[in-house]
C-alpha cells in the first residue's frame, strides 16, 4: 500500500478553483438532502414540491396546490442557497476505503450526509487505514470498510 501523508493545506476547493457551497470551518461540506428509492436518489427539492402540492389537496381549492408547490420549491432553494448552504453531489459506486486516493470526495456517514476530501492515507502496523481529510479530521477504518465516493457538483 502506498503511503500519503497530510500536507497541512486547509484549503478545500472544487476542480474549477471555487470553494464548495456548504463548506464548514472543519473542511466538511454539507450536501442537499435526498431520499433513495431502490438505487435512484430523489432530490429533496422534488420532495419539497410534492409536499407543497399534496398537503393542500384536502381543501379542494383548484389553484392552491400549484401555489404551495412553487412556494415549497422556493423555500427549499432559499434554504440550500442562503440559510444553510449545501452542495449538490452525485453518489458513485460504493467501494472499499483502501481504494481511495488523495483528492477524492466521499460520504462520511454511509450513503447520505456530509462529504469530505481525502488528503492523505496511511496503513498502520495494526492493519487499520488512517485517513486524513482536508480540514484536519482523521479517521481510522478497516481497509475493507465500504465507503461511498461522490462527485461534488457545487
N, C-alpha and C. Protein backbone atom coordinates (compact mmCIF):
# COMPACT_ATOMS: atom_id res chain seq x y z
N UNK A 1 0.84 -1.19 0.00
CA UNK A 1 0.00 0.00 0.00
C UNK A 1 0.88 1.23 0.00
N UNK A 2 0.59 2.16 -0.88
CA UNK A 2 1.32 3.42 -0.93
C UNK A 2 0.89 4.29 0.25
N UNK A 3 1.81 5.06 0.77
CA UNK A 3 1.50 5.91 1.91
C UNK A 3 1.55 7.37 1.48
N UNK A 4 0.50 8.09 1.79
CA UNK A 4 0.46 9.52 1.58
C UNK A 4 0.30 10.17 2.94
N UNK A 5 1.05 11.18 3.20
CA UNK A 5 0.91 11.89 4.46
C UNK A 5 0.30 13.26 4.21
N UNK A 6 -0.40 13.81 5.22
CA UNK A 6 -1.07 15.09 5.04
C UNK A 6 -0.07 16.21 4.81
N UNK A 7 -0.48 17.19 3.99
CA UNK A 7 0.40 18.33 3.71
C UNK A 7 -0.01 19.58 4.48
N UNK A 8 -0.98 19.44 5.41
CA UNK A 8 -1.46 20.53 6.26
C UNK A 8 -2.03 21.71 5.48
N UNK A 9 -2.47 21.47 4.26
CA UNK A 9 -3.15 22.50 3.47
C UNK A 9 -4.63 22.45 3.81
N UNK A 10 -5.16 23.52 4.43
CA UNK A 10 -6.54 23.54 4.89
C UNK A 10 -7.50 24.00 3.80
N UNK A 11 -7.01 24.30 2.60
CA UNK A 11 -7.86 24.83 1.54
C UNK A 11 -8.66 23.73 0.88
N UNK A 12 -9.99 23.89 0.87
CA UNK A 12 -10.87 22.95 0.20
C UNK A 12 -11.38 23.64 -1.05
N UNK A 13 -11.11 23.06 -2.21
CA UNK A 13 -11.50 23.67 -3.48
C UNK A 13 -12.08 22.62 -4.42
N UNK A 14 -12.98 23.08 -5.28
CA UNK A 14 -13.50 22.25 -6.35
C UNK A 14 -12.50 22.28 -7.51
N UNK A 15 -12.63 21.38 -8.48
CA UNK A 15 -11.69 21.39 -9.61
C UNK A 15 -11.63 22.74 -10.34
N UNK A 16 -12.73 23.51 -10.34
CA UNK A 16 -12.72 24.81 -11.01
C UNK A 16 -12.09 25.91 -10.16
N UNK A 17 -11.63 25.58 -8.93
CA UNK A 17 -10.95 26.54 -8.08
C UNK A 17 -11.85 27.24 -7.07
N UNK A 18 -13.16 27.07 -7.17
CA UNK A 18 -14.06 27.73 -6.23
C UNK A 18 -14.24 26.87 -4.98
N UNK A 19 -14.68 27.52 -3.90
CA UNK A 19 -14.98 26.78 -2.67
C UNK A 19 -16.36 26.14 -2.80
N UNK A 20 -16.54 24.94 -2.28
CA UNK A 20 -17.85 24.30 -2.36
C UNK A 20 -18.89 25.05 -1.52
N UNK A 21 -20.12 25.03 -1.97
CA UNK A 21 -21.22 25.59 -1.20
C UNK A 21 -21.42 24.69 0.02
N UNK A 22 -21.65 25.26 1.18
CA UNK A 22 -21.86 24.46 2.38
C UNK A 22 -20.58 24.05 3.08
N UNK A 23 -19.46 24.69 2.74
CA UNK A 23 -18.18 24.36 3.35
C UNK A 23 -18.16 24.83 4.81
N UNK A 24 -17.89 23.91 5.72
CA UNK A 24 -17.83 24.22 7.15
C UNK A 24 -16.38 24.54 7.52
N UNK A 25 -16.16 25.19 8.67
CA UNK A 25 -14.79 25.54 9.07
C UNK A 25 -13.84 24.35 9.21
N UNK A 26 -14.39 23.16 9.47
CA UNK A 26 -13.53 21.98 9.63
C UNK A 26 -13.26 21.24 8.32
N UNK A 27 -13.65 21.84 7.17
CA UNK A 27 -13.39 21.24 5.88
C UNK A 27 -14.47 20.29 5.38
N UNK A 28 -15.45 19.99 6.22
CA UNK A 28 -16.56 19.12 5.82
C UNK A 28 -17.55 19.95 5.00
N UNK A 29 -18.18 19.34 4.00
CA UNK A 29 -19.12 20.04 3.13
C UNK A 29 -20.53 19.48 3.33
N UNK A 30 -21.48 20.37 3.71
CA UNK A 30 -22.88 19.97 3.81
C UNK A 30 -23.42 19.70 2.41
N UNK A 31 -24.33 18.74 2.30
CA UNK A 31 -24.91 18.42 1.00
C UNK A 31 -26.43 18.52 1.07
N UNK A 32 -27.05 18.77 -0.09
CA UNK A 32 -28.51 18.80 -0.13
C UNK A 32 -29.02 17.39 0.12
N UNK A 33 -30.20 17.31 0.67
CA UNK A 33 -30.75 16.01 1.02
C UNK A 33 -31.42 15.32 -0.16
N UNK A 34 -31.66 14.05 0.01
CA UNK A 34 -32.38 13.26 -0.98
C UNK A 34 -32.86 12.00 -0.30
N UNK A 35 -33.78 11.36 -0.91
CA UNK A 35 -34.29 10.08 -0.44
C UNK A 35 -34.07 9.09 -1.56
N UNK A 36 -33.51 7.96 -1.22
CA UNK A 36 -33.21 6.97 -2.24
C UNK A 36 -34.32 5.93 -2.31
N UNK A 37 -34.84 5.71 -3.51
CA UNK A 37 -35.83 4.66 -3.73
C UNK A 37 -35.16 3.64 -4.64
N UNK A 38 -34.88 2.47 -4.06
CA UNK A 38 -34.08 1.49 -4.79
C UNK A 38 -32.68 2.04 -4.97
N UNK A 39 -32.23 2.13 -6.20
CA UNK A 39 -30.91 2.70 -6.49
C UNK A 39 -31.03 4.13 -7.04
N UNK A 40 -32.23 4.69 -7.02
CA UNK A 40 -32.47 6.01 -7.61
C UNK A 40 -32.63 7.07 -6.52
N UNK A 41 -31.70 8.03 -6.42
CA UNK A 41 -31.86 9.11 -5.45
C UNK A 41 -32.85 10.16 -5.97
N UNK A 42 -33.73 10.64 -5.09
CA UNK A 42 -34.70 11.67 -5.44
C UNK A 42 -34.34 12.90 -4.62
N UNK A 43 -34.11 14.02 -5.27
CA UNK A 43 -33.69 15.25 -4.62
C UNK A 43 -34.70 15.73 -3.60
N UNK A 44 -34.22 16.33 -2.53
CA UNK A 44 -35.11 16.90 -1.52
C UNK A 44 -35.90 18.07 -2.10
N UNK A 45 -35.39 18.69 -3.17
CA UNK A 45 -36.15 19.74 -3.84
C UNK A 45 -37.44 19.21 -4.44
N UNK A 46 -37.36 18.02 -5.03
CA UNK A 46 -38.58 17.40 -5.57
C UNK A 46 -39.54 17.03 -4.46
N UNK A 47 -39.01 16.54 -3.34
CA UNK A 47 -39.88 16.21 -2.21
C UNK A 47 -40.57 17.46 -1.68
N UNK A 48 -39.87 18.60 -1.67
CA UNK A 48 -40.50 19.86 -1.23
C UNK A 48 -41.64 20.25 -2.17
N UNK A 49 -41.44 20.07 -3.46
CA UNK A 49 -42.50 20.37 -4.44
C UNK A 49 -43.70 19.45 -4.23
N UNK A 50 -43.44 18.15 -4.10
CA UNK A 50 -44.53 17.19 -3.92
C UNK A 50 -45.30 17.44 -2.62
N UNK A 51 -44.57 17.71 -1.54
CA UNK A 51 -45.25 18.01 -0.28
C UNK A 51 -46.10 19.27 -0.42
N UNK A 52 -45.55 20.30 -1.06
CA UNK A 52 -46.30 21.52 -1.28
C UNK A 52 -47.54 21.30 -2.13
N UNK A 53 -47.47 20.38 -3.05
CA UNK A 53 -48.60 20.11 -3.92
C UNK A 53 -49.69 19.30 -3.21
N UNK A 54 -49.30 18.25 -2.49
CA UNK A 54 -50.29 17.34 -1.92
C UNK A 54 -50.88 17.78 -0.57
N UNK A 55 -50.16 18.57 0.21
CA UNK A 55 -50.69 18.97 1.51
C UNK A 55 -52.00 19.76 1.43
N UNK A 56 -52.18 20.69 0.50
CA UNK A 56 -53.44 21.44 0.47
C UNK A 56 -54.58 20.76 -0.30
N UNK A 57 -54.35 19.59 -0.86
CA UNK A 57 -55.40 18.92 -1.64
C UNK A 57 -56.72 18.72 -0.88
N UNK A 58 -56.69 18.40 0.42
CA UNK A 58 -57.97 18.23 1.12
C UNK A 58 -58.85 19.49 1.13
N UNK A 59 -58.26 20.65 0.93
CA UNK A 59 -59.04 21.90 0.94
C UNK A 59 -59.78 22.14 -0.37
N UNK A 60 -59.45 21.40 -1.40
CA UNK A 60 -60.12 21.42 -2.70
C UNK A 60 -60.24 22.82 -3.31
N UNK A 61 -59.14 23.55 -3.25
CA UNK A 61 -59.05 24.82 -3.96
C UNK A 61 -58.17 24.57 -5.18
N UNK A 62 -58.73 24.72 -6.36
CA UNK A 62 -58.07 24.34 -7.60
C UNK A 62 -56.67 24.87 -7.80
N UNK A 63 -56.39 26.08 -7.42
CA UNK A 63 -55.09 26.71 -7.68
C UNK A 63 -54.11 26.56 -6.53
N UNK A 64 -54.60 26.26 -5.33
CA UNK A 64 -53.74 26.24 -4.14
C UNK A 64 -52.60 25.22 -4.22
N UNK A 65 -52.80 23.98 -4.68
CA UNK A 65 -51.68 23.04 -4.74
C UNK A 65 -50.52 23.53 -5.62
N UNK A 66 -50.82 24.22 -6.69
CA UNK A 66 -49.76 24.72 -7.57
C UNK A 66 -48.98 25.85 -6.89
N UNK A 67 -49.69 26.70 -6.19
CA UNK A 67 -49.05 27.79 -5.46
C UNK A 67 -48.16 27.24 -4.34
N UNK A 68 -48.69 26.31 -3.56
CA UNK A 68 -47.90 25.77 -2.45
C UNK A 68 -46.74 24.91 -2.94
N UNK A 69 -46.89 24.26 -4.10
CA UNK A 69 -45.76 23.51 -4.68
C UNK A 69 -44.63 24.48 -5.05
N UNK A 70 -44.99 25.59 -5.67
CA UNK A 70 -43.98 26.61 -6.03
C UNK A 70 -43.34 27.20 -4.78
N UNK A 71 -44.15 27.47 -3.76
CA UNK A 71 -43.61 28.00 -2.50
C UNK A 71 -42.71 26.98 -1.80
N UNK A 72 -43.09 25.69 -1.88
CA UNK A 72 -42.25 24.65 -1.30
C UNK A 72 -40.88 24.59 -1.95
N UNK A 73 -40.86 24.67 -3.28
CA UNK A 73 -39.58 24.65 -4.00
C UNK A 73 -38.76 25.91 -3.70
N UNK A 74 -39.42 27.07 -3.71
CA UNK A 74 -38.72 28.33 -3.42
C UNK A 74 -38.12 28.30 -2.01
N UNK A 75 -38.89 27.79 -1.06
CA UNK A 75 -38.38 27.68 0.31
C UNK A 75 -37.18 26.77 0.39
N UNK A 76 -37.25 25.63 -0.30
CA UNK A 76 -36.12 24.70 -0.32
C UNK A 76 -34.90 25.35 -0.95
N UNK A 77 -35.09 26.05 -2.06
CA UNK A 77 -33.98 26.69 -2.77
C UNK A 77 -33.31 27.76 -1.90
N UNK A 78 -34.12 28.59 -1.26
CA UNK A 78 -33.58 29.62 -0.36
C UNK A 78 -32.82 28.97 0.78
N UNK A 79 -33.38 27.90 1.33
CA UNK A 79 -32.73 27.20 2.43
C UNK A 79 -31.36 26.67 2.01
N UNK A 80 -31.26 26.01 0.85
CA UNK A 80 -30.00 25.38 0.44
C UNK A 80 -29.00 26.35 -0.19
N UNK A 81 -29.47 27.55 -0.56
CA UNK A 81 -28.54 28.54 -1.11
C UNK A 81 -28.13 29.60 -0.11
N UNK A 82 -29.05 30.03 0.75
CA UNK A 82 -28.78 31.17 1.63
C UNK A 82 -28.76 30.85 3.12
N UNK A 83 -29.80 30.18 3.61
CA UNK A 83 -29.92 29.95 5.04
C UNK A 83 -28.89 28.93 5.52
N UNK A 84 -28.84 27.80 4.88
CA UNK A 84 -27.91 26.73 5.22
C UNK A 84 -27.34 26.17 3.92
N UNK A 85 -26.36 26.89 3.34
CA UNK A 85 -25.84 26.49 2.03
C UNK A 85 -25.40 25.02 2.00
N UNK A 86 -25.71 24.36 0.91
CA UNK A 86 -25.40 22.95 0.75
C UNK A 86 -25.01 22.68 -0.70
N UNK A 87 -24.06 21.80 -0.88
CA UNK A 87 -23.61 21.43 -2.23
C UNK A 87 -24.43 20.26 -2.76
N UNK A 88 -24.54 20.22 -4.09
CA UNK A 88 -25.15 19.07 -4.75
C UNK A 88 -24.05 18.06 -5.04
N UNK A 89 -24.34 16.80 -4.82
CA UNK A 89 -23.38 15.72 -5.10
C UNK A 89 -24.09 14.56 -5.77
N UNK A 90 -23.32 13.74 -6.43
CA UNK A 90 -23.82 12.51 -7.03
C UNK A 90 -23.02 11.36 -6.42
N UNK A 91 -23.71 10.39 -5.85
CA UNK A 91 -23.03 9.21 -5.30
C UNK A 91 -22.48 8.35 -6.43
N UNK A 92 -21.28 7.85 -6.23
CA UNK A 92 -20.67 6.89 -7.15
C UNK A 92 -20.78 5.51 -6.52
N UNK A 93 -20.32 4.50 -7.21
CA UNK A 93 -20.41 3.13 -6.72
C UNK A 93 -19.59 2.95 -5.44
N UNK A 94 -20.21 2.36 -4.41
CA UNK A 94 -19.51 2.11 -3.15
C UNK A 94 -18.34 1.15 -3.38
N UNK A 95 -17.27 1.37 -2.61
CA UNK A 95 -16.09 0.51 -2.75
C UNK A 95 -15.29 0.53 -1.45
N UNK A 96 -14.31 -0.37 -1.30
CA UNK A 96 -13.51 -0.39 -0.07
C UNK A 96 -12.73 0.91 0.11
N UNK A 97 -12.61 1.33 1.35
CA UNK A 97 -11.93 2.59 1.65
C UNK A 97 -10.46 2.54 1.23
N UNK A 98 -9.86 1.37 1.16
CA UNK A 98 -8.46 1.24 0.75
C UNK A 98 -8.24 1.69 -0.69
N UNK A 99 -9.30 1.79 -1.48
CA UNK A 99 -9.17 2.21 -2.88
C UNK A 99 -9.24 3.72 -3.05
N UNK A 100 -9.43 4.47 -1.96
CA UNK A 100 -9.46 5.93 -2.06
C UNK A 100 -8.07 6.46 -2.39
N UNK A 101 -8.03 7.62 -3.02
CA UNK A 101 -6.77 8.31 -3.29
C UNK A 101 -6.92 9.77 -2.86
N UNK A 102 -5.83 10.45 -2.57
CA UNK A 102 -5.92 11.86 -2.20
C UNK A 102 -6.61 12.68 -3.28
N UNK A 103 -7.46 13.60 -2.83
CA UNK A 103 -8.21 14.44 -3.75
C UNK A 103 -9.62 13.93 -4.01
N UNK A 104 -9.91 12.69 -3.64
CA UNK A 104 -11.26 12.13 -3.85
C UNK A 104 -12.19 12.60 -2.73
N UNK A 105 -13.47 12.78 -3.09
CA UNK A 105 -14.51 13.13 -2.14
C UNK A 105 -15.30 11.89 -1.79
N UNK A 106 -15.72 11.76 -0.52
CA UNK A 106 -16.53 10.61 -0.11
C UNK A 106 -17.49 11.01 1.01
N UNK A 107 -18.54 10.22 1.16
CA UNK A 107 -19.53 10.44 2.23
C UNK A 107 -18.94 9.96 3.54
N UNK A 108 -19.07 10.78 4.57
CA UNK A 108 -18.54 10.40 5.88
C UNK A 108 -19.42 9.37 6.58
N UNK A 109 -20.73 9.39 6.33
CA UNK A 109 -21.65 8.54 7.08
C UNK A 109 -22.55 7.75 6.14
N UNK A 110 -22.04 6.73 5.52
CA UNK A 110 -22.86 5.88 4.66
C UNK A 110 -23.12 6.49 3.30
N UNK A 111 -24.40 6.45 2.85
CA UNK A 111 -24.72 6.91 1.51
C UNK A 111 -25.40 8.27 1.50
N UNK A 112 -25.46 8.95 2.64
CA UNK A 112 -26.08 10.27 2.72
C UNK A 112 -25.29 11.11 3.72
N UNK A 113 -25.55 12.40 3.72
CA UNK A 113 -24.91 13.27 4.69
C UNK A 113 -23.72 14.02 4.11
N UNK A 114 -22.91 14.60 5.00
CA UNK A 114 -21.80 15.45 4.57
C UNK A 114 -20.70 14.66 3.87
N UNK A 115 -19.87 15.41 3.12
CA UNK A 115 -18.76 14.80 2.40
C UNK A 115 -17.45 15.46 2.81
N UNK A 116 -16.36 14.76 2.55
CA UNK A 116 -15.02 15.27 2.86
C UNK A 116 -14.08 14.86 1.74
N UNK A 117 -13.00 15.60 1.63
CA UNK A 117 -11.98 15.31 0.61
C UNK A 117 -10.80 14.62 1.27
N UNK A 118 -10.35 13.52 0.69
CA UNK A 118 -9.20 12.78 1.21
C UNK A 118 -7.95 13.63 1.00
N UNK A 119 -7.20 13.79 2.07
CA UNK A 119 -5.93 14.50 1.97
C UNK A 119 -4.77 13.51 1.96
N UNK A 120 -4.85 12.49 2.82
CA UNK A 120 -3.75 11.52 2.91
C UNK A 120 -4.26 10.21 3.48
N UNK A 121 -3.53 9.14 3.20
CA UNK A 121 -3.85 7.79 3.68
C UNK A 121 -2.58 7.14 4.20
N UNK A 122 -2.73 6.29 5.22
CA UNK A 122 -1.59 5.55 5.73
C UNK A 122 -2.08 4.26 6.37
N UNK A 123 -1.50 3.14 6.01
CA UNK A 123 -1.82 1.86 6.63
C UNK A 123 -0.91 1.71 7.84
N UNK A 124 -1.51 1.53 9.03
CA UNK A 124 -0.67 1.44 10.23
C UNK A 124 -0.25 -0.01 10.52
N UNK A 125 0.54 -0.19 11.54
CA UNK A 125 1.09 -1.52 11.89
C UNK A 125 0.01 -2.54 12.22
N UNK A 126 -1.13 -2.08 12.75
CA UNK A 126 -2.20 -2.99 13.14
C UNK A 126 -3.12 -3.38 12.00
N UNK A 127 -2.86 -2.88 10.81
CA UNK A 127 -3.69 -3.20 9.65
C UNK A 127 -4.85 -2.24 9.44
N UNK A 128 -4.95 -1.20 10.24
CA UNK A 128 -6.00 -0.20 10.08
C UNK A 128 -5.54 0.88 9.12
N UNK A 129 -6.48 1.46 8.41
CA UNK A 129 -6.17 2.52 7.47
C UNK A 129 -6.49 3.87 8.12
N UNK A 130 -5.50 4.71 8.22
CA UNK A 130 -5.69 6.07 8.75
C UNK A 130 -5.93 7.00 7.57
N UNK A 131 -7.00 7.78 7.65
CA UNK A 131 -7.37 8.70 6.57
C UNK A 131 -7.43 10.10 7.15
N UNK A 132 -6.70 11.01 6.54
CA UNK A 132 -6.80 12.42 6.90
C UNK A 132 -7.64 13.09 5.83
N UNK A 133 -8.62 13.86 6.26
CA UNK A 133 -9.44 14.60 5.31
C UNK A 133 -9.05 16.07 5.39
N UNK A 134 -9.21 16.75 4.26
CA UNK A 134 -8.84 18.15 4.19
C UNK A 134 -9.62 18.91 5.26
N UNK A 135 -8.91 19.68 6.07
CA UNK A 135 -9.53 20.40 7.16
C UNK A 135 -9.06 19.90 8.52
N UNK A 136 -8.37 18.74 8.55
CA UNK A 136 -7.77 18.29 9.78
C UNK A 136 -8.35 17.06 10.45
N UNK A 137 -9.54 16.61 10.07
CA UNK A 137 -10.13 15.44 10.71
C UNK A 137 -9.36 14.19 10.30
N UNK A 138 -9.25 13.26 11.24
CA UNK A 138 -8.58 11.99 10.96
C UNK A 138 -9.54 10.85 11.27
N UNK A 139 -9.62 9.87 10.38
CA UNK A 139 -10.46 8.69 10.56
C UNK A 139 -9.58 7.45 10.55
N UNK A 140 -9.97 6.44 11.32
CA UNK A 140 -9.27 5.16 11.30
C UNK A 140 -10.31 4.10 10.98
N UNK A 141 -10.13 3.41 9.85
CA UNK A 141 -11.11 2.43 9.38
C UNK A 141 -10.40 1.16 8.93
N UNK A 142 -11.16 0.06 8.90
CA UNK A 142 -10.64 -1.18 8.34
C UNK A 142 -10.51 -0.98 6.83
N UNK A 143 -9.44 -1.46 6.21
CA UNK A 143 -9.22 -1.25 4.77
C UNK A 143 -10.36 -1.76 3.88
N UNK A 144 -11.10 -2.78 4.34
CA UNK A 144 -12.19 -3.31 3.52
C UNK A 144 -13.54 -2.66 3.83
N UNK A 145 -13.58 -1.66 4.72
CA UNK A 145 -14.82 -0.94 5.02
C UNK A 145 -15.29 -0.23 3.75
N UNK A 146 -16.57 -0.37 3.41
CA UNK A 146 -17.10 0.21 2.16
C UNK A 146 -17.55 1.64 2.40
N UNK A 147 -17.11 2.53 1.53
CA UNK A 147 -17.49 3.93 1.58
C UNK A 147 -18.17 4.31 0.27
N UNK A 148 -18.81 5.47 0.27
CA UNK A 148 -19.48 5.95 -0.94
C UNK A 148 -18.74 7.17 -1.47
N UNK A 149 -17.95 7.01 -2.52
CA UNK A 149 -17.32 8.19 -3.14
C UNK A 149 -18.40 9.02 -3.84
N UNK A 150 -18.12 10.30 -4.00
CA UNK A 150 -19.09 11.19 -4.63
C UNK A 150 -18.42 12.11 -5.64
N UNK A 151 -19.24 12.65 -6.51
CA UNK A 151 -18.81 13.72 -7.42
C UNK A 151 -19.48 14.98 -6.90
N UNK A 152 -18.68 15.91 -6.43
CA UNK A 152 -19.19 17.17 -5.88
C UNK A 152 -19.50 18.11 -7.03
N UNK A 153 -20.74 18.63 -7.08
CA UNK A 153 -21.17 19.47 -8.19
C UNK A 153 -20.96 20.96 -7.96
N UNK A 154 -21.20 21.44 -6.76
CA UNK A 154 -21.04 22.88 -6.49
C UNK A 154 -20.84 23.14 -5.02
